Amino acid sequence: MLYPYDPTFLLLIPAIILALYAQFKVQSTYARMSEIRSVKGLTGAQIGRKLLDNNNLSNIGVEQIAGNLTDNYDPRDKILHLSQGVYNSDSIAAVGIVAHEVGHAVQDSKAYVPLKIRSGLVPAANVGSQLAIPLFFIGLIFSSPMLMDVGIIAFSIAVAFTIITLPVEFNASHRAISLLSKGGYVEQDEVPLAKKVLDAAALTYVAATAMAVLNLVRLLALRGERRD
């Protein structure tokens, strides 16, 4: 959100640059790896089913959803959701993405603590990300320290969510590579290619965290200028 004549906005420039680069990186890497078919020739849906079954997760379904790069595992409904481009594809990109989401399913089955913390923060983080900034700037405009502080507290929860997301995503990617290698779903020379897809995706989470942290620093700086 832009506010005229606010010099603290300059704090966000590094994060904005990183976010733009991360978006370019994930899109370009996904496009390249989508053109490379895996040697095994299994589609994303087939690999997802096999990986889940081999990890005693036969209770988890695999379903196709709309959108591009909308793949996710939802611990609430116990379903692996795969976008059309991944569900029906036998590309290296699809293989890596599916394995990553299965990694989340494995985390859930093993009660991985950072995932449980992140899941618990979801409701508060959603509210914080939507209302915190407006609340803070309403307080700033109308000289209400209380509203500014409420905004900062709410936004801090959203920042905590982005921070705890990092170990969750990195761990899921680590599990993904292990699942693919040990299960023999990819050839050894395909492992680095799948890892490129996961590394590019991880960069987007780093960028989101950087943006959130710098936004919090910005709010604190503005609040410091309006001390009671």
Protein backbone atom coordinates (compact mmCIF):
# COMPACT_ATOMS: atom_id res chain seq x y z
CA MET A 1 0.00 0.00 0.00
CA LEU A 2 1.50 3.34 -1.05
CA TYR A 3 1.24 6.54 0.95
CA PRO A 4 2.48 9.80 -0.64
CA TYR A 5 5.51 11.47 0.83
CA ASP A 6 6.26 8.55 3.11
CA PRO A 7 10.06 8.10 3.11
CA THR A 8 9.79 4.85 5.07
CA PHE A 9 8.51 3.22 1.89
CA LEU A 10 12.13 3.18 0.75
CA LEU A 11 12.69 0.41 3.29
CA LEU A 12 10.61 -1.90 1.13
CA ILE A 13 12.60 -1.44 -2.09
CA PRO A 14 15.06 -4.34 -1.45
CA ALA A 15 12.17 -6.69 -0.70
CA ILE A 16 10.26 -5.55 -3.78
CA ILE A 17 13.30 -6.21 -5.98
CA LEU A 18 13.76 -9.64 -4.39
CA ALA A 19 10.06 -10.44 -4.88
CA LEU A 20 10.19 -9.50 -8.56
CA TYR A 21 13.30 -11.60 -9.07
CA ALA A 22 11.78 -14.55 -7.20
CA GLN A 23 8.64 -14.39 -9.34
CA PHE A 24 10.73 -14.31 -12.52
CA LYS A 25 12.89 -17.17 -11.26
CA VAL A 26 10.01 -19.47 -10.38
CA GLN A 27 8.15 -18.80 -13.62
CA SER A 28 11.20 -19.24 -15.86
CA THR A 29 12.41 -22.35 -14.02
CA TYR A 30 8.96 -23.91 -14.09
CA ALA A 31 8.65 -23.20 -17.81
CA ARG A 32 12.04 -24.79 -18.58
CA MET A 33 11.52 -27.86 -16.43
CA SER A 34 7.99 -28.34 -17.77
CA GLU A 35 9.55 -29.02 -21.15
CA ILE A 36 11.72 -31.85 -19.80
CA ARG A 37 9.90 -35.16 -19.48
CA SER A 38 10.91 -37.48 -16.67
CA VAL A 39 12.47 -40.78 -17.69
CA LYS A 40 9.92 -42.82 -15.70
CA GLY A 41 7.04 -41.17 -17.57
CA LEU A 42 4.70 -41.02 -14.58
CA THR A 43 2.23 -38.15 -14.35
CA GLY A 44 2.00 -35.92 -11.33
CA ALA A 45 -1.17 -37.69 -10.23
CA GLN A 46 0.47 -41.11 -10.54
CA ILE A 47 3.59 -40.09 -8.63
CA GLY A 48 1.52 -38.39 -5.96
CA ARG A 49 -0.52 -41.54 -5.41
CA LYS A 50 2.55 -43.78 -5.31
CA LEU A 51 4.47 -41.50 -2.93
CA LEU A 52 1.51 -41.26 -0.57
CA ASP A 53 0.87 -45.00 -0.59
CA ASN A 54 4.54 -45.78 -0.01
CA ASN A 55 4.51 -43.54 3.06
CA ASN A 56 1.43 -45.14 4.59
CA LEU A 57 -0.77 -42.23 3.54
CA SER A 58 -3.34 -44.10 1.47
CA ASN A 59 -6.08 -42.17 3.27
CA ILE A 60 -5.01 -38.97 1.52
CA GLY A 61 -6.72 -38.29 -1.80
CA VAL A 62 -5.25 -36.76 -4.94
CA GLU A 63 -7.47 -34.29 -6.78
CA GLN A 64 -7.11 -31.89 -9.67
CA ILE A 65 -7.80 -28.18 -9.11
CA ALA A 66 -7.98 -25.15 -11.37
CA GLY A 67 -5.21 -22.62 -11.84
CA ASN A 68 -1.50 -22.55 -12.52
CA LEU A 69 0.95 -23.43 -9.73
CA THR A 70 -1.96 -23.68 -7.30
CA ASP A 71 -0.76 -27.04 -5.99
CA ASN A 72 -1.13 -27.56 -2.26
CA TYR A 73 -1.71 -30.06 0.51
CA ASP A 74 -4.46 -29.09 2.91
CA PRO A 75 -4.03 -30.73 6.34
CA ARG A 76 -7.69 -30.02 7.11
CA ASP A 77 -9.26 -32.09 4.33
CA LYS A 78 -6.29 -34.48 3.88
CA ILE A 79 -6.22 -34.00 0.11
CA LEU A 80 -3.31 -33.40 -2.24
CA HIS A 81 -4.54 -30.72 -4.66
CA LEU A 82 -2.69 -30.62 -7.99
CA SER A 83 -3.11 -28.01 -10.71
CA GLN A 84 -4.00 -29.26 -14.18
CA GLY A 85 -0.52 -28.60 -15.52
CA VAL A 86 0.95 -30.81 -12.79
CA TYR A 87 -1.76 -33.44 -12.42
CA ASN A 88 -1.52 -34.60 -16.05
CA SER A 89 2.14 -33.85 -16.71
CA ASP A 90 5.12 -36.20 -16.60
CA SER A 91 7.63 -33.34 -16.59
CA ILE A 92 10.45 -32.81 -14.13
CA ALA A 93 8.65 -29.70 -12.89
CA ALA A 94 5.52 -31.72 -12.10
CA VAL A 95 7.53 -34.44 -10.37
CA GLY A 96 9.29 -31.93 -8.11
CA ILE A 97 6.13 -30.02 -7.22
CA VAL A 98 4.15 -33.16 -6.40
CA ALA A 99 6.95 -34.52 -4.21
CA HIS A 100 7.09 -31.20 -2.35
CA GLU A 101 3.37 -31.31 -1.57
CA VAL A 102 3.66 -34.94 -0.49
CA GLY A 103 6.45 -33.69 1.79
CA HIS A 104 3.83 -31.52 3.50
CA ALA A 105 1.55 -34.52 3.86
CA VAL A 106 4.37 -36.46 5.50
CA GLN A 107 5.00 -33.50 7.83
CA ASP A 108 1.35 -33.57 8.80
CA SER A 109 1.40 -37.31 9.47
CA LYS A 110 4.45 -36.95 11.69
CA ALA A 111 3.06 -33.90 13.54
CA TYR A 112 5.96 -31.73 12.37
CA VAL A 113 5.99 -28.92 14.92
CA PRO A 114 6.57 -25.91 12.61
CA LEU A 115 3.66 -27.07 10.42
CA LYS A 116 1.38 -27.34 13.47
CA ILE A 117 2.43 -23.85 14.58
CA ARG A 118 1.80 -22.43 11.10
CA SER A 119 -1.61 -24.09 10.87
CA GLY A 120 -2.53 -22.64 14.25
CA LEU A 121 -1.53 -19.16 13.12
CA VAL A 122 -3.58 -19.21 9.91
CA PRO A 123 -6.80 -17.53 11.21
CA ALA A 124 -5.00 -14.77 13.11
CA ALA A 125 -2.49 -14.27 10.28
CA ASN A 126 -5.29 -13.86 7.73
CA VAL A 127 -6.98 -11.22 9.84
CA GLY A 128 -3.67 -9.52 10.59
CA SER A 129 -2.57 -9.33 6.96
CA GLN A 130 -5.90 -7.81 5.89
CA LEU A 131 -6.60 -5.37 8.70
CA ALA A 132 -3.25 -4.47 10.27
CA ILE A 133 -2.01 -1.93 7.72
CA PRO A 134 -5.36 -0.08 7.38
CA LEU A 135 -5.74 0.02 11.17
CA PHE A 136 -2.24 1.37 11.62
CA PHE A 137 -2.58 4.14 9.06
CA ILE A 138 -6.04 5.13 10.29
CA GLY A 139 -4.42 5.51 13.70
CA LEU A 140 -1.57 7.47 12.14
CA ILE A 141 -3.89 9.83 10.28
CA PHE A 142 -6.15 10.43 13.28
CA SER A 143 -3.32 10.48 15.84
CA SER A 144 -4.54 7.39 17.67
CA PRO A 145 -1.59 5.57 19.27
CA MET A 146 -3.88 2.75 20.35
CA LEU A 147 -4.99 1.96 16.79
CA MET A 148 -1.38 2.10 15.60
CA ASP A 149 -0.33 -0.34 18.30
CA VAL A 150 -3.21 -2.70 17.51
CA GLY A 151 -2.15 -2.59 13.87
CA ILE A 152 1.44 -3.40 14.75
CA ILE A 153 0.44 -6.30 16.99
CA ALA A 154 -1.87 -7.72 14.31
CA PHE A 155 0.79 -7.36 11.65
CA SER A 156 3.38 -9.01 13.90
CA ILE A 157 1.26 -12.16 13.86
CA ALA A 158 1.27 -12.10 10.05
CA VAL A 159 5.06 -11.67 10.12
CA ALA A 160 5.41 -14.62 12.50
CA PHE A 161 3.38 -16.70 10.04
CA THR A 162 5.75 -15.89 7.16
CA ILE A 163 8.79 -16.65 9.30
CA ILE A 164 7.51 -20.06 10.47
CA THR A 165 6.61 -20.83 6.86
CA LEU A 166 10.31 -20.90 5.90
CA PRO A 167 11.31 -24.06 7.83
CA VAL A 168 8.05 -25.72 6.78
CA GLU A 169 8.75 -25.14 3.08
CA PHE A 170 12.48 -25.90 3.23
CA ASN A 171 11.81 -29.12 5.11
CA ALA A 172 9.13 -30.17 2.62
CA SER A 173 11.58 -29.65 -0.24
CA HIS A 174 14.24 -31.65 1.56
CA ARG A 175 11.75 -34.46 2.10
CA ALA A 176 10.71 -34.25 -1.55
CA ILE A 177 14.21 -34.87 -2.88
CA SER A 178 14.68 -37.73 -0.44
CA LEU A 179 11.34 -39.31 -1.40
CA LEU A 180 12.13 -39.13 -5.10
CA SER A 181 15.69 -40.42 -4.79
CA LYS A 182 15.03 -43.26 -2.37
CA GLY A 183 11.85 -44.32 -4.13
CA GLY A 184 13.53 -44.47 -7.52
CA TYR A 185 10.98 -42.16 -9.12
CA VAL A 186 13.68 -40.16 -10.87
CA GLU A 187 17.06 -40.94 -12.32
CA GLN A 188 20.05 -39.56 -10.42
CA ASP A 189 20.78 -36.98 -13.11
CA GLU A 190 17.18 -35.72 -12.79
CA VAL A 191 17.49 -34.97 -9.08
CA PRO A 192 19.37 -31.65 -9.56
CA LEU A 193 16.73 -30.58 -12.10
CA ALA A 194 13.88 -31.26 -9.70
CA LYS A 195 15.82 -29.42 -7.00
CA LYS A 196 16.05 -26.34 -9.23
CA VAL A 197 12.26 -26.16 -9.31
CA LEU A 198 12.02 -26.44 -5.53
CA ASP A 199 14.81 -23.92 -4.91
CA ALA A 200 13.10 -21.38 -7.17
CA ALA A 201 9.81 -21.87 -5.32
CA ALA A 202 11.57 -21.50 -1.96
CA LEU A 203 12.91 -18.11 -3.03
CA THR A 204 9.35 -16.78 -3.23
CA TYR A 205 8.86 -17.60 0.46
CA VAL A 206 12.13 -15.86 1.34
CA ALA A 207 10.96 -12.79 -0.57
CA ALA A 208 7.58 -12.82 1.19
CA THR A 209 9.31 -13.01 4.56
CA ALA A 210 11.65 -10.16 3.69
CA MET A 211 8.69 -8.03 2.61
CA ALA A 212 6.78 -8.77 5.81
CA VAL A 213 9.72 -8.08 8.12
CA LEU A 214 10.63 -4.81 6.37
CA ASN A 215 7.00 -3.73 6.45
CA LEU A 216 6.99 -4.31 10.20
CA VAL A 217 10.19 -2.28 10.54
CA ARG A 218 8.48 0.46 8.53
CA LEU A 219 5.46 0.50 10.85
CA LEU A 220 7.69 0.62 13.92
CA ALA A 221 9.64 3.52 12.42
CA LEU A 222 6.46 5.46 11.76
CA ARG A 223 5.18 4.67 15.25
CA GLY A 224 8.45 5.90 16.72
CA GLU A 225 7.89 9.28 15.09
CA ARG A 226 4.51 9.56 16.79
CA ARG A 227 5.42 8.58 20.34
CA ASP A 228 2.97 9.77 23.01
